[in-house]
Amino acid sequence: MNWRAAGSNRRPRFSRMREDYRTEQQVIEVLGDVRYAATIASAGCTALALAPRVQRRLWALDTAPAQTAYVEQRLRGRSPLPDGRLELMLERGRTLLEWLGVSRADLFRMVNDPEPARRLAIYERLFEQGKAGRWLRRCMGPTVIGFMVRLPLGPVLPTNAVDELFSKLKRAIGRPDAPANPYLWQLVCGCDPPDWHLPSLPPHEAKNVEVVTADFIEWSRQASAGDLDFLALSNILELASGTTWQRVLAGASRLLRPGGVALVRSVFSWPQEFPEWMPKTLRVEQGWSWQLQSEDRSVFCDEILVMRRL
């Protein structure tokens, strides 16, 4: 939240969101009559997908001016838009994999083969038995990842982060829906599966979206208390300390009306201390969280908690 990447006024950090926004849509549909909602702006995919389901106002927040400018462009229907730094980094990674013996054709077969067993066999050959996987595991530590995305990940990224990321990738490849999973295609192949398109809205239908360049904690202290029916927070807590977690959850509690719901996403598993950071005004909907997490197609940002304001 509070980290503003170098060059944030130029190229956005992300030009794609890799969260399955169908999950947030499902929560809104269950709630019904959602008048006010807020989400992290990122590349705008979730905001565009939720806007038609929010009756009055949807706020899309991000600390980086380049990200909010990018979302504004998408809301105006402008295309094509520039790739983000993460997308450029992933493309360089695919080029490096070719040098290590992993061809683009290998990557396409790994996600597109109709048989899960064959997809997993390709993954194991390339990333568990081959030199590419050994090299990536040896080199892709927290400090290197932090340098590539221009964020101070090293001090807060879990020590087993790389192994956890590979485990999530393998699980996504083995799922029955892998050949149609756009988030897996975008990550591995750098393109979309056939017949899939980014969410978009005609500009006149996006007038209820307000894009805000702000830190969530600061914004939650200034916005009207008890207005939100729904709050979607993604990719803002895996880099945070326990104190920041407490402030984020307190902000969510302040913003939500009684009965309102917050959906929080993370790349990494929830810390053991998480229950201690929860304000007494929020309750985890454990069964609902597990259901959504099991159905979500996100490759990495697939740890989901649903919390209801008491």
Protein backbone atom coordinates (compact mmCIF):
# COMPACT_ATOMS: atom_id res chain seq x y z
CA MET A 1 0.00 0.00 0.00
CA ASN A 2 2.52 2.55 1.13
CA TRP A 3 5.23 1.62 -1.36
CA ARG A 4 5.39 3.91 -4.37
CA ALA A 5 7.50 2.29 -7.05
CA ALA A 6 10.28 4.21 -8.75
CA GLY A 7 9.02 5.78 -11.97
CA SER A 8 5.42 5.40 -10.83
CA ASN A 9 4.43 8.46 -12.85
CA ARG A 10 5.39 6.72 -16.08
CA ARG A 11 4.81 3.02 -16.76
CA PRO A 12 2.25 1.23 -14.56
CA ARG A 13 3.42 -1.65 -12.42
CA PHE A 14 0.67 -3.93 -13.77
CA SER A 15 -1.32 -3.88 -17.01
CA ARG A 16 -3.25 -7.04 -16.12
CA MET A 17 -4.88 -8.15 -12.90
CA ARG A 18 -4.29 -11.81 -12.21
CA GLU A 19 -7.20 -12.27 -9.81
CA ASP A 20 -10.32 -14.13 -10.91
CA TYR A 21 -12.81 -11.27 -10.65
CA ARG A 22 -15.70 -13.74 -10.96
CA THR A 23 -15.15 -14.36 -7.25
CA GLU A 24 -15.82 -10.73 -6.33
CA GLN A 25 -18.79 -10.71 -8.71
CA GLN A 26 -20.22 -13.76 -6.96
CA VAL A 27 -19.97 -12.09 -3.55
CA ILE A 28 -21.79 -9.00 -4.82
CA GLU A 29 -24.51 -11.15 -6.37
CA VAL A 30 -25.01 -12.99 -3.07
CA LEU A 31 -25.18 -9.71 -1.14
CA GLY A 32 -27.61 -8.09 -3.59
CA ASP A 33 -28.53 -4.40 -3.59
CA VAL A 34 -24.90 -3.22 -3.37
CA ARG A 35 -25.01 0.57 -3.47
CA TYR A 36 -21.44 1.47 -2.46
CA ALA A 37 -18.28 -0.56 -2.89
CA ALA A 38 -14.52 -0.11 -3.11
CA THR A 39 -11.68 -2.12 -4.63
CA ILE A 40 -7.97 -1.88 -5.28
CA ALA A 41 -7.54 -0.30 -8.72
CA SER A 42 -4.42 -2.17 -9.92
CA ALA A 43 -4.96 -2.62 -13.68
CA GLY A 44 -8.71 -2.05 -13.47
CA CYS A 45 -10.06 -5.50 -14.35
CA THR A 46 -11.97 -6.01 -11.09
CA ALA A 47 -13.33 -2.46 -11.09
CA LEU A 48 -14.63 -2.84 -14.65
CA ALA A 49 -16.19 -6.20 -13.82
CA LEU A 50 -17.90 -4.92 -10.66
CA ALA A 51 -19.10 -1.53 -11.90
CA PRO A 52 -22.36 -2.78 -13.51
CA ARG A 53 -23.28 -4.52 -10.24
CA VAL A 54 -22.75 -1.47 -8.00
CA GLN A 55 -25.72 0.87 -8.02
CA ARG A 56 -24.30 4.22 -6.92
CA ARG A 57 -20.52 4.47 -6.44
CA LEU A 58 -17.50 2.20 -6.82
CA TRP A 59 -14.16 3.57 -5.64
CA ALA A 60 -10.99 2.14 -7.22
CA LEU A 61 -7.89 2.92 -5.11
CA ASP A 62 -4.18 2.72 -5.78
CA THR A 63 -1.11 4.48 -4.41
CA ALA A 64 0.68 4.64 -7.78
CA PRO A 65 -0.39 7.52 -10.08
CA ALA A 66 0.59 5.42 -13.11
CA GLN A 67 -1.91 2.74 -12.08
CA THR A 68 -4.81 5.12 -11.51
CA ALA A 69 -4.03 6.88 -14.81
CA TYR A 70 -4.05 3.48 -16.52
CA VAL A 71 -7.46 2.62 -15.06
CA GLU A 72 -8.83 6.01 -16.12
CA GLN A 73 -7.74 5.23 -19.68
CA ARG A 74 -9.47 1.85 -19.57
CA LEU A 75 -12.65 3.46 -18.26
CA ARG A 76 -12.57 5.81 -21.26
CA GLY A 77 -12.24 2.82 -23.57
CA ARG A 78 -8.77 3.72 -24.81
CA SER A 79 -6.80 0.94 -26.51
CA PRO A 80 -4.13 -0.29 -26.92
CA LEU A 81 -2.51 0.47 -23.59
CA PRO A 82 1.14 -0.02 -22.59
CA ASP A 83 2.38 -3.17 -20.89
CA GLY A 84 3.20 -2.83 -17.21
CA ARG A 85 6.59 -3.48 -15.68
CA LEU A 86 5.49 -6.91 -14.44
CA GLU A 87 4.39 -7.92 -17.94
CA LEU A 88 7.73 -6.81 -19.37
CA MET A 89 9.53 -8.74 -16.64
CA LEU A 90 7.53 -11.90 -17.39
CA GLU A 91 8.32 -11.61 -21.10
CA ARG A 92 12.03 -11.31 -20.31
CA GLY A 93 11.62 -14.39 -18.12
CA ARG A 94 10.17 -16.38 -21.01
CA THR A 95 13.13 -15.32 -23.16
CA LEU A 96 15.48 -16.50 -20.41
CA LEU A 97 13.64 -19.81 -20.23
CA GLU A 98 14.25 -20.32 -23.95
CA TRP A 99 17.98 -19.87 -23.28
CA LEU A 100 17.63 -22.53 -20.54
CA GLY A 101 15.97 -24.95 -22.96
CA VAL A 102 12.25 -24.24 -22.33
CA SER A 103 10.63 -23.32 -25.64
CA ARG A 104 7.45 -21.30 -26.12
CA ALA A 105 5.90 -24.45 -27.59
CA ASP A 106 6.68 -26.28 -24.32
CA LEU A 107 4.88 -23.59 -22.34
CA PHE A 108 1.81 -23.70 -24.59
CA ARG A 109 1.59 -27.49 -24.31
CA MET A 110 1.96 -27.24 -20.53
CA VAL A 111 -1.23 -25.19 -20.23
CA ASN A 112 -3.19 -26.34 -23.27
CA ASP A 113 -2.92 -30.13 -23.33
CA PRO A 114 -6.42 -31.54 -22.66
CA GLU A 115 -5.09 -34.20 -20.26
CA PRO A 116 -4.10 -33.01 -16.74
CA ALA A 117 -1.61 -35.86 -16.34
CA ARG A 118 0.25 -34.83 -19.49
CA ARG A 119 0.27 -31.17 -18.42
CA LEU A 120 1.75 -32.12 -15.07
CA ALA A 121 4.32 -34.39 -16.72
CA ILE A 122 5.49 -31.45 -18.86
CA TYR A 123 5.66 -29.22 -15.79
CA GLU A 124 7.71 -31.77 -13.86
CA ARG A 125 10.09 -32.29 -16.78
CA LEU A 126 10.64 -28.57 -17.27
CA PHE A 127 10.53 -27.17 -13.74
CA GLU A 128 11.34 -30.02 -11.38
CA GLN A 129 13.76 -32.18 -13.35
CA GLY A 130 15.20 -29.68 -15.84
CA LYS A 131 17.89 -27.08 -15.31
CA ALA A 132 15.40 -24.22 -15.76
CA GLY A 133 13.57 -25.10 -12.55
CA ARG A 134 16.80 -25.61 -10.61
CA TRP A 135 18.15 -22.28 -11.83
CA LEU A 136 14.94 -20.40 -10.99
CA ARG A 137 14.75 -21.86 -7.49
CA ARG A 138 18.37 -20.99 -6.87
CA CYS A 139 18.19 -17.41 -8.13
CA MET A 140 14.65 -16.19 -7.49
CA GLY A 141 14.96 -15.17 -3.86
CA PRO A 142 12.98 -12.38 -2.17
CA THR A 143 15.62 -9.74 -2.84
CA VAL A 144 15.74 -10.53 -6.58
CA ILE A 145 11.94 -10.54 -6.86
CA GLY A 146 11.79 -7.24 -4.99
CA PHE A 147 14.33 -5.68 -7.34
CA MET A 148 12.40 -6.78 -10.42
CA VAL A 149 9.07 -5.32 -9.29
CA ARG A 150 10.70 -2.35 -7.53
CA LEU A 151 9.22 -3.19 -4.14
CA PRO A 152 11.00 -3.88 -0.84
CA LEU A 153 9.88 -7.52 -0.63
CA GLY A 154 12.95 -8.98 1.02
CA PRO A 155 12.20 -8.12 4.67
CA VAL A 156 8.59 -9.36 4.59
CA LEU A 157 8.42 -12.09 1.91
CA PRO A 158 8.22 -15.61 3.44
CA THR A 159 11.46 -17.58 3.35
CA ASN A 160 9.69 -20.37 1.41
CA ALA A 161 8.07 -17.91 -1.03
CA VAL A 162 9.59 -19.39 -4.20
CA ASP A 163 8.59 -22.95 -3.29
CA GLU A 164 5.06 -21.78 -2.49
CA LEU A 165 4.79 -20.00 -5.84
CA PHE A 166 5.94 -23.10 -7.73
CA SER A 167 3.45 -25.22 -5.76
CA LYS A 168 0.61 -22.88 -6.72
CA LEU A 169 1.66 -22.93 -10.38
CA LYS A 170 1.71 -26.73 -10.39
CA ARG A 171 -1.74 -26.88 -8.78
CA ALA A 172 -3.16 -24.50 -11.41
CA ILE A 173 -1.67 -26.57 -14.23
CA GLY A 174 -3.25 -29.74 -12.83
CA ARG A 175 -6.76 -28.29 -12.51
CA PRO A 176 -9.33 -29.58 -15.02
CA ASP A 177 -10.05 -26.03 -16.23
CA ALA A 178 -6.39 -25.14 -16.92
CA PRO A 179 -6.69 -24.99 -20.75
CA ALA A 180 -9.37 -22.29 -20.43
CA ASN A 181 -7.83 -20.42 -17.48
CA PRO A 182 -6.94 -16.90 -18.73
CA TYR A 183 -4.79 -16.13 -15.68
CA LEU A 184 -2.64 -19.21 -16.27
CA TRP A 185 -2.31 -18.38 -19.97
CA GLN A 186 -1.31 -14.80 -19.25
CA LEU A 187 1.27 -15.84 -16.69
CA VAL A 188 2.86 -18.73 -18.59
CA CYS A 189 2.32 -17.88 -22.25
CA GLY A 190 1.93 -14.09 -22.17
CA CYS A 191 -1.38 -14.14 -24.07
CA ASP A 192 -5.05 -14.91 -23.59
CA PRO A 193 -6.77 -18.21 -24.41
CA PRO A 194 -9.01 -18.24 -27.48
CA ASP A 195 -12.37 -16.48 -27.16
CA TRP A 196 -11.45 -14.64 -23.96
CA HIS A 197 -11.36 -10.86 -23.64
CA LEU A 198 -10.45 -8.40 -20.93
CA PRO A 199 -13.45 -6.88 -19.14
CA SER A 200 -14.53 -3.55 -20.57
CA LEU A 201 -17.38 -1.08 -20.30
CA PRO A 202 -18.72 1.61 -22.60
CA PRO A 203 -17.57 4.93 -21.06
CA HIS A 204 -21.13 6.04 -20.29
CA GLU A 205 -21.66 2.87 -18.20
CA ALA A 206 -18.54 3.51 -16.09
CA LYS A 207 -19.66 6.84 -14.66
CA ASN A 208 -20.24 5.34 -11.21
CA VAL A 209 -16.51 4.46 -10.89
CA GLU A 210 -14.33 6.98 -9.06
CA VAL A 211 -10.59 6.33 -9.38
CA VAL A 212 -8.59 7.59 -6.41
CA THR A 213 -4.82 7.86 -5.97
CA ALA A 214 -4.55 7.12 -2.26
CA ASP A 215 -3.22 4.74 0.34
CA PHE A 216 -6.04 2.51 1.59
CA ILE A 217 -5.32 3.15 5.27
CA GLU A 218 -5.32 6.93 4.78
CA TRP A 219 -8.44 6.79 2.61
CA SER A 220 -10.28 4.58 5.12
CA ARG A 221 -9.75 7.25 7.80
CA GLN A 222 -11.13 10.04 5.62
CA ALA A 223 -14.04 8.34 3.84
CA SER A 224 -17.50 8.23 5.36
CA ALA A 225 -17.84 5.51 7.98
CA GLY A 226 -20.36 2.71 7.47
CA ASP A 227 -21.09 3.47 3.80
CA LEU A 228 -19.71 0.40 2.02
CA ASP A 229 -21.70 -2.71 1.27
CA PHE A 230 -18.66 -4.46 -0.24
CA LEU A 231 -14.89 -4.02 -0.09
CA ALA A 232 -12.38 -5.95 -2.22
CA LEU A 233 -8.73 -5.81 -1.14
CA SER A 234 -6.06 -7.64 -3.12
CA ASN A 235 -2.27 -7.75 -3.06
CA ILE A 236 -1.82 -5.22 -0.26
CA LEU A 237 -1.16 -7.41 2.77
CA GLU A 238 1.43 -9.99 1.72
CA LEU A 239 4.10 -7.27 1.95
CA ALA A 240 2.88 -5.85 5.25
CA SER A 241 3.83 -6.09 8.89
CA GLY A 242 1.40 -7.12 11.61
CA THR A 243 0.79 -3.49 12.54
CA THR A 244 -0.22 -2.70 8.97
CA TRP A 245 -2.55 -5.70 8.91
CA GLN A 246 -4.27 -4.34 12.00
CA ARG A 247 -4.67 -0.90 10.42
CA VAL A 248 -6.07 -2.35 7.20
CA LEU A 249 -8.60 -4.50 9.03
CA ALA A 250 -9.57 -1.59 11.29
CA GLY A 251 -10.09 0.52 8.16
CA ALA A 252 -12.26 -2.18 6.60
CA SER A 253 -14.34 -2.36 9.77
CA ARG A 254 -14.80 1.40 9.81
CA LEU A 255 -15.89 1.60 6.16
CA LEU A 256 -18.33 -1.31 6.07
CA ARG A 257 -21.95 -1.02 7.12
CA PRO A 258 -23.26 -3.69 9.54
CA GLY A 259 -23.71 -6.81 7.43
CA GLY A 260 -21.29 -5.52 4.79
CA VAL A 261 -18.58 -7.84 3.48
CA ALA A 262 -14.86 -7.50 2.79
CA LEU A 263 -13.08 -9.96 0.52
CA VAL A 264 -9.31 -10.01 1.06
CA ARG A 265 -6.88 -11.74 -1.28
CA SER A 266 -3.26 -12.69 -0.73
CA VAL A 267 -0.57 -14.56 -2.63
CA PHE A 268 0.76 -16.29 0.49
CA SER A 269 -0.98 -18.18 3.26
CA TRP A 270 -2.46 -16.19 6.13
CA PRO A 271 -0.07 -15.73 9.07
CA GLN A 272 -0.70 -17.69 12.26
CA GLU A 273 -1.09 -14.37 14.08
CA PHE A 274 -3.97 -13.32 11.83
CA PRO A 275 -6.79 -14.02 14.38
CA GLU A 276 -5.05 -11.72 16.86
CA TRP A 277 -5.14 -8.84 14.36
CA MET A 278 -8.87 -9.09 13.67
CA PRO A 279 -11.04 -6.38 15.23
CA LYS A 280 -13.97 -7.76 17.19
CA THR A 281 -16.33 -6.04 14.75
CA LEU A 282 -15.31 -8.38 11.90
CA ARG A 283 -16.09 -12.09 11.61
CA VAL A 284 -14.45 -14.48 9.15
CA GLU A 285 -16.99 -16.39 7.07
CA GLN A 286 -14.87 -19.56 7.01
CA GLY A 287 -17.14 -21.80 4.95
CA TRP A 288 -17.78 -19.13 2.34
CA SER A 289 -14.06 -18.36 2.18
CA TRP A 290 -13.16 -21.99 1.51
CA GLN A 291 -15.83 -22.34 -1.16
CA LEU A 292 -14.67 -19.24 -3.04
CA GLN A 293 -11.02 -20.20 -2.72
CA SER A 294 -11.65 -23.68 -4.15
CA GLU A 295 -13.46 -22.23 -7.19
CA ASP A 296 -11.15 -19.27 -7.84
CA ARG A 297 -8.93 -19.60 -10.94
CA SER A 298 -6.21 -17.17 -9.84
CA VAL A 299 -2.80 -18.82 -10.07
CA PHE A 300 -1.08 -16.95 -7.25
CA CYS A 301 -3.46 -14.47 -5.59
CA ASP A 302 -5.77 -17.28 -4.52
CA GLU A 303 -5.75 -17.09 -0.72
CA ILE A 304 -9.21 -15.69 0.03
CA LEU A 305 -10.88 -14.58 3.23
CA VAL A 306 -14.43 -13.26 3.45
CA MET A 307 -15.14 -11.10 6.50
CA ARG A 308 -18.51 -9.73 7.56
CA ARG A 309 -19.06 -6.55 9.57
CA LEU A 310 -21.03 -7.32 12.73
